[in-house]
Amino acid sequence: MSKILAGKASDIPSGKMIMESADGKDILVTNVDGNYYAMDDTCTHAGASLSEGSLDGSTLTCPWHGSTWDCKTGKLIAFGTQLKDLSSYKVTVESDNVFVEAQIKSLMLSCKNCKEIHLYEQRLAKVNCK
């Protein structure tokens, strides 16, 4: 597993969510009452980006067809048919940095300092900017 820097805790206040991409996989990071959770961002019904949906407590609602998910576990709460549960990931917070632990091969990230794309240094868990 690799630690992926998802963002700053101060940029993900309680009740909010962000989406980060890692090695072609979109990961949703949520803040529920000061606790951070991560799961796949793509709905298994029709492929909607769940980060465009709504978050009420730990219940995430898909913006396209209304399926509901537990953002703490990635498990389906309700939908008209059974859907495959989403993968969830361990989240850690170090200082003001929120990290997601996920299996990745390679990663390019947009730098928040200079807006250019940099190769992610997995061993350093950060993007090296000029």
N, C-alpha and C. Protein backbone atom coordinates (compact mmCIF):
# COMPACT_ATOMS: atom_id res chain seq x y z
N MET A 1 0.84 -1.19 0.00
CA MET A 1 0.00 0.00 0.00
C MET A 1 0.88 1.25 0.00
N SER A 2 0.40 2.27 -0.65
CA SER A 2 1.10 3.55 -0.71
C SER A 2 0.26 4.62 -0.05
N LYS A 3 0.91 5.58 0.55
CA LYS A 3 0.20 6.70 1.13
C LYS A 3 0.07 7.79 0.08
N ILE A 4 -1.16 8.19 -0.18
CA ILE A 4 -1.44 9.23 -1.17
C ILE A 4 -1.89 10.47 -0.43
N LEU A 5 -1.24 11.57 -0.70
CA LEU A 5 -1.63 12.84 -0.09
C LEU A 5 -2.91 13.31 -0.78
N ALA A 6 -4.03 13.27 -0.04
CA ALA A 6 -5.32 13.65 -0.61
C ALA A 6 -5.57 15.15 -0.52
N GLY A 7 -4.99 15.79 0.46
CA GLY A 7 -5.18 17.23 0.63
C GLY A 7 -4.94 17.66 2.06
N LYS A 8 -5.26 18.87 2.33
CA LYS A 8 -5.11 19.44 3.67
C LYS A 8 -6.41 19.25 4.45
N ALA A 9 -6.29 18.86 5.71
CA ALA A 9 -7.47 18.70 6.56
C ALA A 9 -8.27 20.00 6.61
N SER A 10 -7.57 21.13 6.62
CA SER A 10 -8.25 22.43 6.67
C SER A 10 -9.05 22.73 5.40
N ASP A 11 -8.77 22.00 4.31
CA ASP A 11 -9.51 22.18 3.06
C ASP A 11 -10.69 21.23 2.93
N ILE A 12 -10.85 20.31 3.93
CA ILE A 12 -11.96 19.35 3.90
C ILE A 12 -12.69 19.48 5.24
N PRO A 13 -13.50 20.51 5.40
CA PRO A 13 -14.21 20.69 6.67
C PRO A 13 -15.28 19.62 6.87
N SER A 14 -15.77 19.50 8.07
CA SER A 14 -16.80 18.52 8.41
C SER A 14 -18.00 18.67 7.48
N GLY A 15 -18.48 17.54 6.97
CA GLY A 15 -19.63 17.54 6.06
C GLY A 15 -19.27 17.73 4.61
N LYS A 16 -17.98 17.82 4.30
CA LYS A 16 -17.53 18.04 2.92
C LYS A 16 -16.79 16.82 2.40
N MET A 17 -16.59 16.80 1.08
CA MET A 17 -15.86 15.72 0.43
C MET A 17 -15.08 16.24 -0.76
N ILE A 18 -14.01 15.51 -1.10
CA ILE A 18 -13.19 15.83 -2.26
C ILE A 18 -12.91 14.53 -3.01
N MET A 19 -12.51 14.66 -4.26
CA MET A 19 -12.12 13.50 -5.05
C MET A 19 -10.67 13.69 -5.49
N GLU A 20 -9.88 12.64 -5.34
CA GLU A 20 -8.50 12.62 -5.82
C GLU A 20 -8.33 11.42 -6.73
N SER A 21 -7.48 11.55 -7.74
CA SER A 21 -7.20 10.45 -8.65
C SER A 21 -5.82 9.87 -8.36
N ALA A 22 -5.75 8.55 -8.34
CA ALA A 22 -4.48 7.87 -8.12
C ALA A 22 -4.40 6.67 -9.05
N ASP A 23 -3.45 6.71 -9.98
CA ASP A 23 -3.20 5.60 -10.88
C ASP A 23 -4.46 5.19 -11.64
N GLY A 24 -5.24 6.18 -12.09
CA GLY A 24 -6.44 5.92 -12.85
C GLY A 24 -7.66 5.59 -12.01
N LYS A 25 -7.53 5.59 -10.70
CA LYS A 25 -8.64 5.30 -9.81
C LYS A 25 -9.05 6.58 -9.10
N ASP A 26 -10.35 6.88 -9.11
CA ASP A 26 -10.86 8.06 -8.42
C ASP A 26 -11.28 7.66 -7.01
N ILE A 27 -10.73 8.38 -6.02
CA ILE A 27 -10.99 8.08 -4.62
C ILE A 27 -11.68 9.27 -3.97
N LEU A 28 -12.76 9.00 -3.27
CA LEU A 28 -13.54 10.02 -2.58
C LEU A 28 -13.09 10.08 -1.12
N VAL A 29 -12.79 11.28 -0.64
CA VAL A 29 -12.41 11.48 0.76
C VAL A 29 -13.47 12.36 1.40
N THR A 30 -14.03 11.90 2.53
CA THR A 30 -15.08 12.64 3.23
C THR A 30 -14.63 12.97 4.65
N ASN A 31 -15.23 14.02 5.20
CA ASN A 31 -15.02 14.39 6.60
C ASN A 31 -16.39 14.32 7.27
N VAL A 32 -16.53 13.39 8.20
CA VAL A 32 -17.77 13.22 8.95
C VAL A 32 -17.46 13.49 10.42
N ASP A 33 -17.90 14.65 10.90
CA ASP A 33 -17.69 15.05 12.30
C ASP A 33 -16.22 14.99 12.71
N GLY A 34 -15.34 15.44 11.81
CA GLY A 34 -13.91 15.49 12.12
C GLY A 34 -13.16 14.20 11.87
N ASN A 35 -13.84 13.16 11.40
CA ASN A 35 -13.20 11.90 11.05
C ASN A 35 -13.19 11.76 9.54
N TYR A 36 -12.06 11.31 9.00
CA TYR A 36 -11.89 11.23 7.55
C TYR A 36 -12.03 9.79 7.09
N TYR A 37 -12.73 9.63 5.95
CA TYR A 37 -12.97 8.31 5.37
C TYR A 37 -12.70 8.39 3.87
N ALA A 38 -12.33 7.26 3.27
CA ALA A 38 -12.07 7.22 1.83
C ALA A 38 -12.67 5.95 1.23
N MET A 39 -13.20 6.10 0.03
CA MET A 39 -13.78 4.98 -0.72
C MET A 39 -13.71 5.30 -2.20
N ASP A 40 -14.03 4.31 -3.03
CA ASP A 40 -14.07 4.55 -4.48
C ASP A 40 -15.08 5.65 -4.77
N ASP A 41 -14.79 6.47 -5.78
CA ASP A 41 -15.67 7.59 -6.13
C ASP A 41 -16.69 7.22 -7.21
N THR A 42 -16.53 6.08 -7.86
CA THR A 42 -17.38 5.73 -8.99
C THR A 42 -18.51 4.79 -8.57
N CYS A 43 -19.74 5.24 -8.79
CA CYS A 43 -20.92 4.43 -8.45
C CYS A 43 -20.92 3.17 -9.31
N THR A 44 -21.20 2.01 -8.70
CA THR A 44 -21.20 0.74 -9.42
C THR A 44 -22.47 0.52 -10.25
N HIS A 45 -23.43 1.43 -10.16
CA HIS A 45 -24.66 1.31 -10.96
C HIS A 45 -24.43 1.79 -12.39
N ALA A 46 -24.07 3.08 -12.54
CA ALA A 46 -23.94 3.63 -13.89
C ALA A 46 -22.69 4.49 -14.07
N GLY A 47 -21.77 4.46 -13.10
CA GLY A 47 -20.50 5.14 -13.26
C GLY A 47 -20.45 6.60 -12.86
N ALA A 48 -21.43 7.09 -12.13
CA ALA A 48 -21.44 8.49 -11.71
C ALA A 48 -20.31 8.76 -10.72
N SER A 49 -19.83 9.99 -10.73
CA SER A 49 -18.84 10.43 -9.73
C SER A 49 -19.60 10.78 -8.46
N LEU A 50 -19.37 10.00 -7.41
CA LEU A 50 -20.10 10.22 -6.16
C LEU A 50 -19.72 11.54 -5.49
N SER A 51 -18.56 12.08 -5.82
CA SER A 51 -18.15 13.36 -5.25
C SER A 51 -19.05 14.50 -5.72
N GLU A 52 -19.84 14.26 -6.76
CA GLU A 52 -20.80 15.25 -7.25
C GLU A 52 -22.16 15.08 -6.58
N GLY A 53 -22.27 14.07 -5.71
CA GLY A 53 -23.52 13.81 -5.00
C GLY A 53 -23.61 14.64 -3.72
N SER A 54 -24.44 14.17 -2.79
CA SER A 54 -24.62 14.91 -1.54
C SER A 54 -24.25 14.02 -0.35
N LEU A 55 -23.78 14.66 0.71
CA LEU A 55 -23.36 13.97 1.92
C LEU A 55 -24.23 14.46 3.08
N ASP A 56 -24.87 13.51 3.76
CA ASP A 56 -25.69 13.82 4.93
C ASP A 56 -25.23 12.88 6.05
N GLY A 57 -24.47 13.41 6.99
CA GLY A 57 -23.84 12.55 8.00
C GLY A 57 -22.85 11.66 7.29
N SER A 58 -23.01 10.34 7.44
CA SER A 58 -22.12 9.41 6.74
C SER A 58 -22.80 8.78 5.53
N THR A 59 -23.97 9.29 5.16
CA THR A 59 -24.71 8.77 4.01
C THR A 59 -24.44 9.63 2.78
N LEU A 60 -23.94 8.98 1.75
CA LEU A 60 -23.61 9.64 0.50
C LEU A 60 -24.65 9.23 -0.53
N THR A 61 -25.22 10.22 -1.23
CA THR A 61 -26.25 9.94 -2.25
C THR A 61 -25.69 10.20 -3.64
N CYS A 62 -25.83 9.22 -4.52
CA CYS A 62 -25.36 9.33 -5.89
C CYS A 62 -26.17 10.41 -6.62
N PRO A 63 -25.48 11.28 -7.39
CA PRO A 63 -26.18 12.37 -8.07
C PRO A 63 -27.05 11.92 -9.26
N TRP A 64 -26.83 10.73 -9.80
CA TRP A 64 -27.56 10.32 -10.99
C TRP A 64 -28.87 9.59 -10.67
N HIS A 65 -28.81 8.56 -9.85
CA HIS A 65 -30.01 7.73 -9.65
C HIS A 65 -30.36 7.51 -8.19
N GLY A 66 -29.69 8.21 -7.28
CA GLY A 66 -30.10 8.22 -5.88
C GLY A 66 -29.68 7.05 -5.01
N SER A 67 -28.77 6.20 -5.49
CA SER A 67 -28.29 5.13 -4.60
C SER A 67 -27.61 5.79 -3.40
N THR A 68 -27.71 5.14 -2.25
CA THR A 68 -27.08 5.69 -1.05
C THR A 68 -26.01 4.73 -0.55
N TRP A 69 -24.94 5.32 -0.05
CA TRP A 69 -23.75 4.58 0.37
C TRP A 69 -23.30 5.05 1.74
N ASP A 70 -22.72 4.15 2.52
CA ASP A 70 -22.10 4.52 3.80
C ASP A 70 -20.66 4.90 3.48
N CYS A 71 -20.33 6.18 3.63
CA CYS A 71 -18.99 6.63 3.25
C CYS A 71 -17.92 6.12 4.20
N LYS A 72 -18.31 5.58 5.36
CA LYS A 72 -17.33 5.02 6.30
C LYS A 72 -16.84 3.65 5.85
N THR A 73 -17.70 2.91 5.14
CA THR A 73 -17.39 1.53 4.78
C THR A 73 -17.40 1.24 3.28
N GLY A 74 -18.05 2.11 2.49
CA GLY A 74 -18.21 1.86 1.06
C GLY A 74 -19.37 0.92 0.76
N LYS A 75 -20.14 0.54 1.75
CA LYS A 75 -21.24 -0.40 1.57
C LYS A 75 -22.50 0.32 1.09
N LEU A 76 -23.24 -0.36 0.21
CA LEU A 76 -24.50 0.14 -0.30
C LEU A 76 -25.52 0.16 0.84
N ILE A 77 -26.23 1.28 1.00
CA ILE A 77 -27.31 1.37 1.99
C ILE A 77 -28.64 1.03 1.33
N ALA A 78 -28.94 1.70 0.20
CA ALA A 78 -30.23 1.46 -0.46
C ALA A 78 -30.16 1.80 -1.94
N PHE A 79 -30.87 0.98 -2.72
CA PHE A 79 -31.08 1.22 -4.15
C PHE A 79 -32.12 0.20 -4.60
N GLY A 80 -32.72 0.41 -5.75
CA GLY A 80 -33.76 -0.47 -6.24
C GLY A 80 -33.29 -1.89 -6.53
N THR A 81 -32.02 -2.05 -6.87
CA THR A 81 -31.42 -3.37 -7.10
C THR A 81 -30.13 -3.46 -6.30
N GLN A 82 -29.65 -4.67 -6.13
CA GLN A 82 -28.39 -4.86 -5.40
C GLN A 82 -27.22 -4.39 -6.26
N LEU A 83 -26.34 -3.60 -5.67
CA LEU A 83 -25.13 -3.14 -6.36
C LEU A 83 -23.91 -3.64 -5.61
N LYS A 84 -22.81 -3.72 -6.31
CA LYS A 84 -21.54 -4.13 -5.70
C LYS A 84 -21.08 -3.03 -4.75
N ASP A 85 -20.66 -3.43 -3.53
CA ASP A 85 -20.10 -2.46 -2.59
C ASP A 85 -18.83 -1.85 -3.16
N LEU A 86 -18.50 -0.68 -2.68
CA LEU A 86 -17.30 0.03 -3.11
C LEU A 86 -16.14 -0.28 -2.16
N SER A 87 -14.93 -0.19 -2.64
CA SER A 87 -13.76 -0.39 -1.78
C SER A 87 -13.60 0.82 -0.88
N SER A 88 -13.19 0.56 0.35
CA SER A 88 -12.88 1.65 1.27
C SER A 88 -11.38 1.58 1.59
N TYR A 89 -10.83 2.70 2.04
CA TYR A 89 -9.39 2.80 2.26
C TYR A 89 -9.10 3.43 3.62
N LYS A 90 -7.99 3.05 4.18
CA LYS A 90 -7.56 3.62 5.46
C LYS A 90 -7.11 5.06 5.22
N VAL A 91 -7.50 5.94 6.15
CA VAL A 91 -7.11 7.35 6.08
C VAL A 91 -6.35 7.71 7.35
N THR A 92 -5.26 8.44 7.19
CA THR A 92 -4.51 8.96 8.33
C THR A 92 -4.33 10.47 8.16
N VAL A 93 -4.24 11.15 9.28
CA VAL A 93 -3.99 12.59 9.26
C VAL A 93 -2.69 12.84 10.01
N GLU A 94 -1.77 13.51 9.35
CA GLU A 94 -0.48 13.87 9.95
C GLU A 94 -0.33 15.37 9.80
N SER A 95 -0.23 16.06 10.93
CA SER A 95 -0.26 17.52 10.95
C SER A 95 -1.56 17.94 10.28
N ASP A 96 -1.50 18.67 9.17
CA ASP A 96 -2.71 19.10 8.47
C ASP A 96 -2.91 18.31 7.18
N ASN A 97 -2.11 17.26 6.98
CA ASN A 97 -2.17 16.47 5.75
C ASN A 97 -3.04 15.23 5.91
N VAL A 98 -3.93 15.02 4.93
CA VAL A 98 -4.80 13.84 4.92
C VAL A 98 -4.23 12.87 3.89
N PHE A 99 -3.91 11.64 4.35
CA PHE A 99 -3.36 10.61 3.48
C PHE A 99 -4.33 9.45 3.35
N VAL A 100 -4.39 8.87 2.15
CA VAL A 100 -5.18 7.67 1.89
C VAL A 100 -4.20 6.56 1.55
N GLU A 101 -4.40 5.39 2.14
CA GLU A 101 -3.56 4.25 1.83
C GLU A 101 -4.25 3.40 0.78
N ALA A 102 -3.63 3.29 -0.39
CA ALA A 102 -4.21 2.53 -1.50
C ALA A 102 -3.10 1.92 -2.33
N GLN A 103 -3.43 0.87 -3.06
CA GLN A 103 -2.48 0.22 -3.95
C GLN A 103 -2.39 1.02 -5.25
N ILE A 104 -1.24 1.58 -5.54
CA ILE A 104 -1.05 2.33 -6.78
C ILE A 104 0.26 1.90 -7.43
N LYS A 105 0.33 2.08 -8.74
CA LYS A 105 1.54 1.77 -9.47
C LYS A 105 2.37 3.03 -9.70
N SER A 106 1.73 4.05 -10.21
CA SER A 106 2.41 5.33 -10.45
C SER A 106 1.38 6.43 -10.31
N LEU A 107 1.85 7.64 -10.15
CA LEU A 107 0.92 8.72 -9.88
C LEU A 107 1.51 10.05 -10.32
N MET A 108 0.71 10.81 -11.02
CA MET A 108 1.07 12.18 -11.36
C MET A 108 0.03 13.06 -10.68
N LEU A 109 0.48 14.12 -10.03
CA LEU A 109 -0.43 15.02 -9.33
C LEU A 109 -0.26 16.45 -9.78
N SER A 110 -1.34 17.18 -9.73
CA SER A 110 -1.30 18.62 -10.01
C SER A 110 -0.82 19.32 -8.75
N CYS A 111 0.23 20.11 -8.87
CA CYS A 111 0.82 20.80 -7.73
C CYS A 111 -0.06 21.98 -7.32
N LYS A 112 -0.38 22.05 -6.04
CA LYS A 112 -1.22 23.14 -5.54
C LYS A 112 -0.42 24.45 -5.44
N ASN A 113 0.91 24.35 -5.46
CA ASN A 113 1.75 25.55 -5.39
C ASN A 113 1.93 26.22 -6.74
N CYS A 114 2.31 25.42 -7.74
CA CYS A 114 2.63 26.02 -9.04
C CYS A 114 1.68 25.60 -10.15
N LYS A 115 0.72 24.69 -9.87
CA LYS A 115 -0.30 24.23 -10.81
C LYS A 115 0.25 23.36 -11.94
N GLU A 116 1.52 22.94 -11.86
CA GLU A 116 2.07 22.04 -12.85
C GLU A 116 1.91 20.60 -12.37
N ILE A 117 2.14 19.66 -13.27
CA ILE A 117 2.05 18.24 -12.94
C ILE A 117 3.43 17.73 -12.55
N HIS A 118 3.48 16.99 -11.42
CA HIS A 118 4.74 16.42 -10.94
C HIS A 118 4.57 14.94 -10.67
N LEU A 119 5.65 14.19 -10.78
CA LEU A 119 5.64 12.78 -10.41
C LEU A 119 5.58 12.68 -8.90
N TYR A 120 4.66 11.89 -8.41
CA TYR A 120 4.47 11.68 -6.98
C TYR A 120 5.61 10.80 -6.45
N GLU A 121 6.27 11.27 -5.41
CA GLU A 121 7.35 10.52 -4.77
C GLU A 121 6.75 9.65 -3.68
N GLN A 122 6.48 8.37 -3.98
CA GLN A 122 5.81 7.51 -3.01
C GLN A 122 6.60 7.39 -1.72
N ARG A 123 7.90 7.28 -1.80
CA ARG A 123 8.69 7.09 -0.58
C ARG A 123 8.68 8.34 0.30
N LEU A 124 8.41 9.49 -0.29
CA LEU A 124 8.37 10.74 0.48
C LEU A 124 6.95 11.16 0.79
N ALA A 125 5.97 10.50 0.16
CA ALA A 125 4.54 10.82 0.32
C ALA A 125 4.26 12.29 0.08
N LYS A 126 4.87 12.82 -0.98
CA LYS A 126 4.60 14.22 -1.32
C LYS A 126 4.98 14.47 -2.77
N VAL A 127 4.60 15.60 -3.27
CA VAL A 127 4.98 16.05 -4.60
C VAL A 127 6.16 17.00 -4.44
N ASN A 128 7.20 16.78 -5.21
CA ASN A 128 8.34 17.69 -5.15
C ASN A 128 8.15 18.83 -6.14
N CYS A 129 8.06 20.03 -5.60
CA CYS A 129 7.86 21.22 -6.41
C CYS A 129 9.17 22.01 -6.44
N LYS A 130 9.35 22.75 -7.53
CA LYS A 130 10.55 23.58 -7.67
C LYS A 130 10.68 24.57 -6.56
